[in-house]
Amino acid sequence: MGIQVRASVTPDVNVPEVSREIQNRIKERILEVTGITVNTVKISVENISLNKPRVE
């Protein structure tokens, strides 16, 4: 299974580090809740925003 995530970040964020953390958390949580192994999580940073981050 593969998942694609679109994200907006603030300028002070270390994009590679945050992307890895998001990938790991998504994989772990889906496995924990469903028992399904996620093979890939693709993170697309679509915007670098000066606004505070929000979760959609």
Protein backbone atom coordinates (compact mmCIF):
# COMPACT_ATOMS: atom_id res chain seq x y z
CA MET A 1 0.00 0.00 0.00
CA GLY A 2 1.18 3.52 -0.70
CA ILE A 3 0.03 6.87 0.63
CA GLN A 4 0.58 10.38 -0.65
CA VAL A 5 0.46 13.38 1.70
CA ARG A 6 0.38 17.06 0.80
CA ALA A 7 1.86 19.41 3.39
CA SER A 8 2.46 23.07 4.08
CA VAL A 9 5.35 24.04 6.31
CA THR A 10 6.72 27.15 7.93
CA PRO A 11 10.13 28.53 6.86
CA ASP A 12 11.84 27.35 10.05
CA VAL A 13 11.02 23.67 9.45
CA ASN A 14 13.70 21.16 8.46
CA VAL A 15 11.73 19.64 5.58
CA PRO A 16 13.69 16.36 5.20
CA GLU A 17 13.56 15.69 8.94
CA VAL A 18 9.86 16.50 9.27
CA SER A 19 9.05 14.46 6.16
CA ARG A 20 10.79 11.40 7.61
CA GLU A 21 8.93 11.84 10.90
CA ILE A 22 5.57 12.12 9.12
CA GLN A 23 6.35 9.03 7.04
CA ASN A 24 7.29 6.99 10.09
CA ARG A 25 4.29 8.07 12.15
CA ILE A 26 1.84 7.32 9.33
CA LYS A 27 3.34 3.87 8.71
CA GLU A 28 3.35 3.00 12.41
CA ARG A 29 -0.18 4.24 13.08
CA ILE A 30 -1.76 2.49 10.09
CA LEU A 31 -0.03 -0.76 11.00
CA GLU A 32 -1.15 -0.39 14.62
CA VAL A 33 -4.80 0.38 13.78
CA THR A 34 -5.37 -1.83 10.73
CA GLY A 35 -2.57 -4.38 10.65
CA ILE A 36 -1.76 -3.25 7.10
CA THR A 37 1.86 -2.54 6.19
CA VAL A 38 2.39 0.70 4.29
CA ASN A 39 5.24 0.35 1.80
CA THR A 40 5.58 3.98 0.77
CA VAL A 41 4.52 7.36 2.08
CA LYS A 42 5.25 10.19 -0.35
CA ILE A 43 5.35 13.68 1.13
CA SER A 44 4.80 16.64 -1.18
CA VAL A 45 5.57 20.02 0.34
CA GLU A 46 3.27 22.28 -1.64
CA ASN A 47 3.66 25.49 0.27
CA ILE A 48 6.00 27.28 2.63
CA SER A 49 3.68 29.46 4.65
CA LEU A 50 4.24 32.23 7.16
CA ASN A 51 0.97 31.25 8.86
CA LYS A 52 0.82 28.81 11.76
CA PRO A 53 0.55 25.18 10.62
CA ARG A 54 -2.78 23.37 10.76
CA VAL A 55 -3.86 19.80 10.33
CA GLU A 56 -6.40 18.94 7.65
